[in-house]
Amino acid sequence: MKRKVMAVLLTAAMTTAMAAGCSGSSGSSDSSGSGEDSYTIGISQFAEHGSLDNCREGFLQGLENEGIVEGENLTVEYQNAAADMGTASQISDAFVSDKVDLICAIATPTAQSAYNAAMDTDIPVVYTAVTDPVAAELADEDGNPVGNVTGTSDELPIKEQLEMIRQILPDAEKVGIMYTTSEANSISALETYKELAGDYGFEIVESGISTTADISLAADDLISKVDCITNLTDNTVVASLPTILEKANEKGIPVFGSEIEQVRIGCLAAEGLDYVALGEQTGEMAAKILKGEAQAPEMPYETISEPGFYVNMKVAENLGITVPDELTQSAVESFDEISDSSAE
């Protein structure tokens, strides 16, 4: 389903190419003489992993649904920050300097850097995969944009996730969560988990990290203290999920995901999101802005209302866990093998 997009580092050569391809004005006239509008957008993605790659794929599909097609009337400049905030800021600054027509920011850190970079310009920012736009200071308490910025939230269905974990692991007591201390989306989700966990008889054991280098030791420590682990949409953690899964499997500790790709590569199950659908919804919002049908400051952020249940039966078999029939029968998708994440 997913087509891999090769991450490209920000380089002087790419910046030059971007400058050559950017018209500097929204809805510029098509040089082919057809009279149709054409657009140049910058896509800034915080890290390369399945969830965010799917968002990008869906975003382009959403634009295409509205008649804005890459290679026809759309030029796309894609940059990946490789989970580095400094690089994310450089990417945003370059897009602003080249006067792209719109910036699509995938994940909270890139959304924040893009909004800050474009704040004093007329370039709209449309984000996706931002768990809590209010905590990220991209929207006010009513969900309205704080400026020329809007998009979609991948707010986790935490209540449904806890219910699902309790059904699969009736005797579990301690649920581990690893998160990046600098990611606003992760801190917000963690607080919600802690607020709700007691309702299902769970204690949350948290482990904060700063960089990818912290993952290995943090995983070893967390696994020794918990009955299972549940993932957030934390970009640094998800990018290192294969490492966490390998360590957890060695100890027989089930890991629950937050979306379909995490289950595909080895998490046991998730009440999660379809990131292609989320990206598609975002692309359709962006198309309205590009075509002048709407303005970002007037568009409250949107969410996907219904999560889906995803399960990996091969993982369940390996861990000796029986998934209740009522869950398996409700699964949006069930996997009978574990995908090689390195091949994605």
Protein backbone atom coordinates (compact mmCIF):
# COMPACT_ATOMS: atom_id res chain seq x y z
CA MET A 1 0.00 0.00 0.00
CA LYS A 2 2.77 2.37 0.87
CA ARG A 3 5.24 3.73 -1.59
CA LYS A 4 8.50 4.65 -0.03
CA VAL A 5 9.58 8.23 -0.47
CA MET A 6 13.33 8.69 -0.33
CA ALA A 7 14.26 11.29 2.26
CA VAL A 8 16.44 14.04 0.82
CA LEU A 9 18.77 16.11 2.94
CA LEU A 10 18.62 19.86 2.65
CA THR A 11 21.50 20.85 0.38
CA ALA A 12 22.62 23.87 -1.50
CA ALA A 13 21.90 22.10 -4.78
CA MET A 14 18.30 21.37 -3.75
CA THR A 15 17.82 24.92 -2.54
CA THR A 16 18.90 26.16 -5.97
CA ALA A 17 16.47 23.77 -7.66
CA MET A 18 13.69 24.97 -5.38
CA ALA A 19 14.41 28.57 -6.22
CA ALA A 20 14.23 27.80 -9.91
CA GLY A 21 10.90 26.00 -9.55
CA CYS A 22 9.07 28.43 -7.24
CA SER A 23 6.90 31.11 -8.74
CA GLY A 24 6.59 33.06 -5.50
CA SER A 25 2.85 33.68 -5.88
CA SER A 26 -0.17 31.53 -5.11
CA GLY A 27 -2.05 30.26 -8.11
CA SER A 28 0.50 31.42 -10.66
CA SER A 29 -0.33 31.13 -14.35
CA ASP A 30 0.66 27.87 -16.02
CA SER A 31 3.68 28.47 -18.27
CA SER A 32 2.26 25.98 -20.77
CA GLY A 33 -0.27 28.59 -21.81
CA SER A 34 -3.25 26.46 -20.86
CA GLY A 35 -4.51 29.20 -18.57
CA GLU A 36 -4.78 26.83 -15.61
CA ASP A 37 -3.26 27.72 -12.27
CA SER A 38 -0.13 25.92 -11.13
CA TYR A 39 1.37 25.71 -7.67
CA THR A 40 4.62 25.05 -5.87
CA ILE A 41 4.44 23.65 -2.35
CA GLY A 42 7.05 22.63 0.18
CA ILE A 43 6.54 19.48 2.23
CA SER A 44 8.55 19.33 5.44
CA GLN A 45 8.50 15.94 7.18
CA PHE A 46 10.10 15.56 10.59
CA ALA A 47 11.29 11.95 10.30
CA GLU A 48 11.17 8.99 7.96
CA HIS A 49 8.87 6.27 9.25
CA GLY A 50 5.70 4.57 8.07
CA SER A 51 3.17 6.85 9.78
CA LEU A 52 4.57 10.08 8.39
CA ASP A 53 5.34 8.58 4.98
CA ASN A 54 1.69 7.54 4.77
CA CYS A 55 0.62 11.06 5.68
CA ARG A 56 2.63 12.43 2.78
CA GLU A 57 1.20 9.86 0.37
CA GLY A 58 -2.32 10.70 1.52
CA PHE A 59 -1.69 14.44 1.34
CA LEU A 60 -0.71 14.25 -2.32
CA GLN A 61 -3.74 12.06 -2.98
CA GLY A 62 -5.99 14.63 -1.31
CA LEU A 63 -4.61 17.35 -3.58
CA GLU A 64 -5.11 15.09 -6.59
CA ASN A 65 -8.72 14.50 -5.54
CA GLU A 66 -9.19 18.23 -5.99
CA GLY A 67 -7.45 18.43 -9.36
CA ILE A 68 -3.99 19.48 -8.15
CA VAL A 69 -1.64 16.84 -9.49
CA GLU A 70 2.12 16.56 -9.06
CA GLY A 71 3.86 16.78 -12.44
CA GLU A 72 0.89 18.48 -14.09
CA ASN A 73 -0.05 21.65 -12.24
CA LEU A 74 1.88 21.00 -9.02
CA THR A 75 5.58 21.18 -8.17
CA VAL A 76 6.49 19.51 -4.88
CA GLU A 77 9.67 20.18 -2.94
CA TYR A 78 10.01 17.45 -0.30
CA GLN A 79 12.47 17.68 2.57
CA ASN A 80 13.02 15.39 5.57
CA ALA A 81 14.49 16.70 8.82
CA ALA A 82 15.73 13.27 9.97
CA ALA A 83 14.23 13.98 13.42
CA ASP A 84 16.48 17.00 13.93
CA MET A 85 14.91 20.27 15.05
CA GLY A 86 17.73 22.38 13.65
CA THR A 87 17.29 20.82 10.22
CA ALA A 88 13.52 21.30 10.44
CA SER A 89 14.07 25.02 11.01
CA GLN A 90 16.47 25.26 8.06
CA ILE A 91 13.93 23.54 5.81
CA SER A 92 11.17 25.95 6.86
CA ASP A 93 13.40 28.97 6.35
CA ALA A 94 14.36 27.74 2.87
CA PHE A 95 10.73 27.26 1.84
CA VAL A 96 9.88 30.76 3.03
CA SER A 97 12.91 32.23 1.28
CA ASP A 98 11.84 30.58 -1.96
CA LYS A 99 8.28 31.87 -1.54
CA VAL A 100 6.46 28.60 -2.04
CA ASP A 101 2.68 28.85 -2.32
CA LEU A 102 2.03 26.66 0.72
CA ILE A 103 3.96 24.63 3.27
CA CYS A 104 2.74 21.22 4.34
CA ALA A 105 4.28 20.33 7.70
CA ILE A 106 4.14 16.69 8.75
CA ALA A 107 4.41 16.18 12.55
CA THR A 108 4.40 18.62 15.44
CA PRO A 109 8.05 19.82 15.41
CA THR A 110 7.95 20.68 11.70
CA ALA A 111 4.53 22.32 12.07
CA GLN A 112 5.89 24.58 14.79
CA SER A 113 9.03 25.50 12.84
CA ALA A 114 7.07 26.11 9.62
CA TYR A 115 4.54 28.35 11.35
CA ASN A 116 7.29 30.35 13.04
CA ALA A 117 9.20 30.76 9.77
CA ALA A 118 6.15 31.82 7.77
CA MET A 119 4.54 33.96 10.46
CA ASP A 120 5.43 37.32 8.88
CA THR A 121 4.64 36.23 5.31
CA ASP A 122 1.48 35.40 3.36
CA ILE A 123 2.48 31.73 3.00
CA PRO A 124 -0.13 29.43 4.56
CA VAL A 125 0.98 26.43 6.61
CA VAL A 126 -1.11 23.27 6.60
CA TYR A 127 -0.04 20.62 9.10
CA THR A 128 -0.86 16.98 9.66
CA ALA A 129 0.03 14.38 12.31
CA VAL A 130 -0.05 16.99 15.09
CA THR A 131 -1.51 15.31 18.16
CA ASP A 132 -2.44 18.42 20.11
CA PRO A 133 -2.54 21.64 18.05
CA VAL A 134 -3.55 23.63 21.14
CA ALA A 135 -0.55 22.46 23.19
CA ALA A 136 1.65 23.07 20.13
CA GLU A 137 0.33 26.67 20.06
CA LEU A 138 -1.05 26.27 16.56
CA ALA A 139 -4.69 26.64 17.61
CA ASP A 140 -6.62 28.23 20.46
CA GLU A 141 -8.77 26.40 23.00
CA ASP A 142 -11.73 26.44 20.60
CA GLY A 143 -9.69 24.79 17.84
CA ASN A 144 -9.38 27.95 15.76
CA PRO A 145 -6.06 28.79 14.05
CA VAL A 146 -3.74 31.25 15.78
CA GLY A 147 -2.62 32.62 12.42
CA ASN A 148 -2.22 31.58 8.79
CA VAL A 149 -2.08 27.93 9.79
CA THR A 150 -4.47 24.98 9.92
CA GLY A 151 -4.45 21.24 9.40
CA THR A 152 -5.34 17.89 10.94
CA SER A 153 -4.72 16.28 14.31
CA ASP A 154 -3.79 12.65 14.91
CA GLU A 155 -5.14 12.78 18.43
CA LEU A 156 -4.93 9.29 19.86
CA PRO A 157 -8.07 7.34 20.85
CA ILE A 158 -6.57 6.68 24.28
CA LYS A 159 -9.74 5.50 25.98
CA GLU A 160 -10.33 2.92 23.25
CA GLN A 161 -6.66 1.86 23.41
CA LEU A 162 -6.82 1.24 27.16
CA GLU A 163 -10.06 -0.72 26.78
CA MET A 164 -8.45 -2.85 24.08
CA ILE A 165 -5.31 -3.55 26.13
CA ARG A 166 -7.46 -4.62 29.08
CA GLN A 167 -9.43 -7.01 26.88
CA ILE A 168 -6.28 -8.63 25.50
CA LEU A 169 -4.29 -8.60 28.77
CA PRO A 170 -6.82 -9.07 31.59
CA ASP A 171 -4.10 -9.53 34.23
CA ALA A 172 -1.77 -6.67 33.23
CA GLU A 173 -1.06 -3.96 35.80
CA LYS A 174 1.75 -1.76 34.52
CA VAL A 175 1.78 -0.15 31.07
CA GLY A 176 5.03 1.42 29.87
CA ILE A 177 5.22 4.51 27.70
CA MET A 178 8.41 5.90 26.17
CA TYR A 179 8.31 9.49 24.95
CA THR A 180 10.51 12.37 23.83
CA THR A 181 10.56 15.10 26.46
CA SER A 182 10.74 17.88 23.85
CA GLU A 183 7.71 16.75 21.82
CA ALA A 184 4.58 18.63 22.89
CA ASN A 185 2.35 16.02 21.26
CA SER A 186 3.87 13.24 23.35
CA ILE A 187 3.63 15.11 26.63
CA SER A 188 -0.02 15.86 25.98
CA ALA A 189 -0.86 12.23 25.13
CA LEU A 190 1.07 10.94 28.14
CA GLU A 191 -0.93 13.17 30.50
CA THR A 192 -4.18 11.83 29.06
CA TYR A 193 -2.96 8.26 29.51
CA LYS A 194 -2.16 8.95 33.15
CA GLU A 195 -5.56 10.56 33.72
CA LEU A 196 -7.46 7.59 32.27
CA ALA A 197 -5.29 4.61 33.21
CA GLY A 198 -6.79 4.16 36.68
CA ASP A 199 -10.25 3.68 35.19
CA TYR A 200 -8.98 0.44 33.65
CA GLY A 201 -6.84 -0.75 36.55
CA PHE A 202 -3.53 0.28 35.00
CA GLU A 203 -0.50 2.14 36.31
CA ILE A 204 1.48 4.11 33.72
CA VAL A 205 5.26 3.76 33.92
CA GLU A 206 6.87 6.50 31.85
CA SER A 207 10.35 6.80 30.38
CA GLY A 208 11.46 10.11 28.89
CA ILE A 209 14.23 10.35 26.31
CA SER A 210 15.99 13.25 24.60
CA THR A 211 17.51 11.69 21.50
CA THR A 212 17.59 8.45 19.53
CA ALA A 213 20.79 7.54 21.36
CA ASP A 214 18.76 7.16 24.56
CA ILE A 215 16.40 4.55 23.13
CA SER A 216 18.32 1.35 23.78
CA LEU A 217 19.02 1.84 27.49
CA ALA A 218 15.61 3.37 28.11
CA ALA A 219 13.92 0.39 26.45
CA ASP A 220 15.89 -2.10 28.57
CA ASP A 221 14.92 -0.27 31.75
CA LEU A 222 11.25 0.15 30.82
CA ILE A 223 10.79 -3.46 29.72
CA SER A 224 12.06 -4.66 33.11
CA LYS A 225 9.31 -2.75 34.93
CA VAL A 226 6.12 -3.31 32.93
CA ASP A 227 3.66 -5.92 31.69
CA CYS A 228 3.32 -4.27 28.29
CA ILE A 229 4.24 -1.13 26.36
CA THR A 230 1.96 1.17 24.41
CA ASN A 231 3.31 3.55 21.79
CA LEU A 232 2.38 7.15 21.22
CA THR A 233 2.82 8.93 17.89
CA ASP A 234 6.20 10.13 19.20
CA ASN A 235 8.42 10.62 16.16
CA THR A 236 11.77 9.77 17.75
CA VAL A 237 10.40 6.65 19.43
CA VAL A 238 8.49 5.40 16.39
CA ALA A 239 11.57 5.84 14.19
CA SER A 240 13.37 3.44 16.56
CA LEU A 241 10.47 1.03 17.02
CA PRO A 242 12.28 -2.00 15.53
CA THR A 243 14.88 -1.72 18.31
CA ILE A 244 12.19 -1.55 20.99
CA LEU A 245 10.29 -4.47 19.48
CA GLU A 246 13.38 -6.65 19.34
CA LYS A 247 14.15 -6.05 23.01
CA ALA A 248 10.52 -6.48 24.09
CA ASN A 249 10.11 -9.72 22.15
CA GLU A 250 13.17 -11.19 23.83
CA LYS A 251 11.45 -10.66 27.20
CA GLY A 252 7.97 -11.66 26.03
CA ILE A 253 6.58 -8.16 26.60
CA PRO A 254 3.79 -7.18 24.17
CA VAL A 255 4.02 -3.78 22.51
CA PHE A 256 0.85 -2.02 21.38
CA GLY A 257 0.97 0.48 18.53
CA SER A 258 -0.88 3.69 17.78
CA GLU A 259 -1.60 3.10 14.08
CA ILE A 260 -1.60 0.53 11.32
CA GLU A 261 2.07 0.68 10.28
CA GLN A 262 3.29 -0.04 13.80
CA VAL A 263 1.14 -3.17 13.88
CA ARG A 264 2.33 -4.20 10.44
CA ILE A 265 5.98 -4.23 11.57
CA GLY A 266 5.50 -6.04 14.86
CA CYS A 267 3.29 -4.36 17.44
CA LEU A 268 0.57 -6.68 18.74
CA ALA A 269 -2.45 -4.46 18.13
CA ALA A 270 -3.72 -0.89 18.06
CA GLU A 271 -6.86 1.15 18.27
CA GLY A 272 -5.35 3.61 15.88
CA LEU A 273 -5.46 5.80 12.86
CA ASP A 274 -5.12 5.34 9.13
CA TYR A 275 -2.48 7.93 8.30
CA VAL A 276 -3.12 7.76 4.56
CA ALA A 277 -6.71 8.82 5.23
CA LEU A 278 -5.52 11.55 7.59
CA GLY A 279 -3.11 12.89 4.98
CA GLU A 280 -5.78 12.76 2.31
CA GLN A 281 -8.12 14.83 4.47
CA THR A 282 -5.29 17.33 4.94
CA GLY A 283 -4.56 17.51 1.22
CA GLU A 284 -8.17 18.35 0.48
CA MET A 285 -7.98 21.19 3.02
CA ALA A 286 -4.80 22.48 1.37
CA ALA A 287 -6.42 22.36 -2.07
CA LYS A 288 -9.20 24.69 -0.93
CA ILE A 289 -6.59 27.18 0.24
CA LEU A 290 -4.52 26.98 -2.93
CA LYS A 291 -7.58 27.46 -5.13
CA GLY A 292 -8.78 30.42 -3.09
CA GLU A 293 -11.91 28.66 -1.86
CA ALA A 294 -10.94 29.08 1.79
CA GLN A 295 -8.33 30.76 3.95
CA ALA A 296 -6.28 28.95 6.59
CA PRO A 297 -7.09 31.38 9.45
CA GLU A 298 -10.79 30.62 8.96
CA MET A 299 -10.40 26.80 9.02
CA PRO A 300 -10.42 25.08 12.45
CA TYR A 301 -8.21 22.01 12.59
CA GLU A 302 -9.85 18.67 11.81
CA THR A 303 -9.56 15.12 13.15
CA ILE A 304 -10.52 11.62 12.07
CA SER A 305 -13.44 10.75 14.32
CA GLU A 306 -13.38 6.95 14.30
CA PRO A 307 -10.29 4.84 15.13
CA GLY A 308 -9.85 1.37 13.68
CA PHE A 309 -8.69 -1.84 15.34
CA TYR A 310 -5.59 -3.42 13.83
CA VAL A 311 -4.01 -6.68 14.99
CA ASN A 312 -0.99 -8.80 14.10
CA MET A 313 -1.92 -12.44 14.66
CA LYS A 314 1.65 -13.61 14.04
CA VAL A 315 2.85 -11.47 16.95
CA ALA A 316 0.04 -12.84 19.12
CA GLU A 317 1.11 -16.38 18.23
CA ASN A 318 4.76 -15.65 19.00
CA LEU A 319 3.85 -14.21 22.40
CA GLY A 320 1.34 -16.94 23.24
CA ILE A 321 -1.49 -14.40 23.52
CA THR A 322 -5.09 -15.11 22.57
CA VAL A 323 -6.86 -12.11 21.08
CA PRO A 324 -10.60 -12.19 21.94
CA ASP A 325 -12.86 -13.12 19.03
CA GLU A 326 -14.92 -9.97 19.43
CA LEU A 327 -11.81 -7.93 18.68
CA THR A 328 -10.52 -9.99 15.78
CA GLN A 329 -13.94 -9.92 14.16
CA SER A 330 -14.01 -6.14 14.37
CA ALA A 331 -10.52 -5.64 12.94
CA VAL A 332 -10.17 -3.21 10.07
CA GLU A 333 -7.06 -5.13 9.08
CA SER A 334 -5.41 -8.25 10.48
CA PHE A 335 -1.84 -9.26 9.64
CA ASP A 336 -0.55 -12.84 9.57
CA GLU A 337 3.10 -11.91 9.21
CA ILE A 338 5.56 -9.33 10.45
CA SER A 339 6.80 -6.91 7.80
CA ASP A 340 10.48 -6.10 7.57
CA SER A 341 10.58 -2.41 8.51
CA SER A 342 13.97 -1.99 6.86
CA ALA A 343 12.32 -2.75 3.53
CA GLU A 344 9.79 0.06 3.79
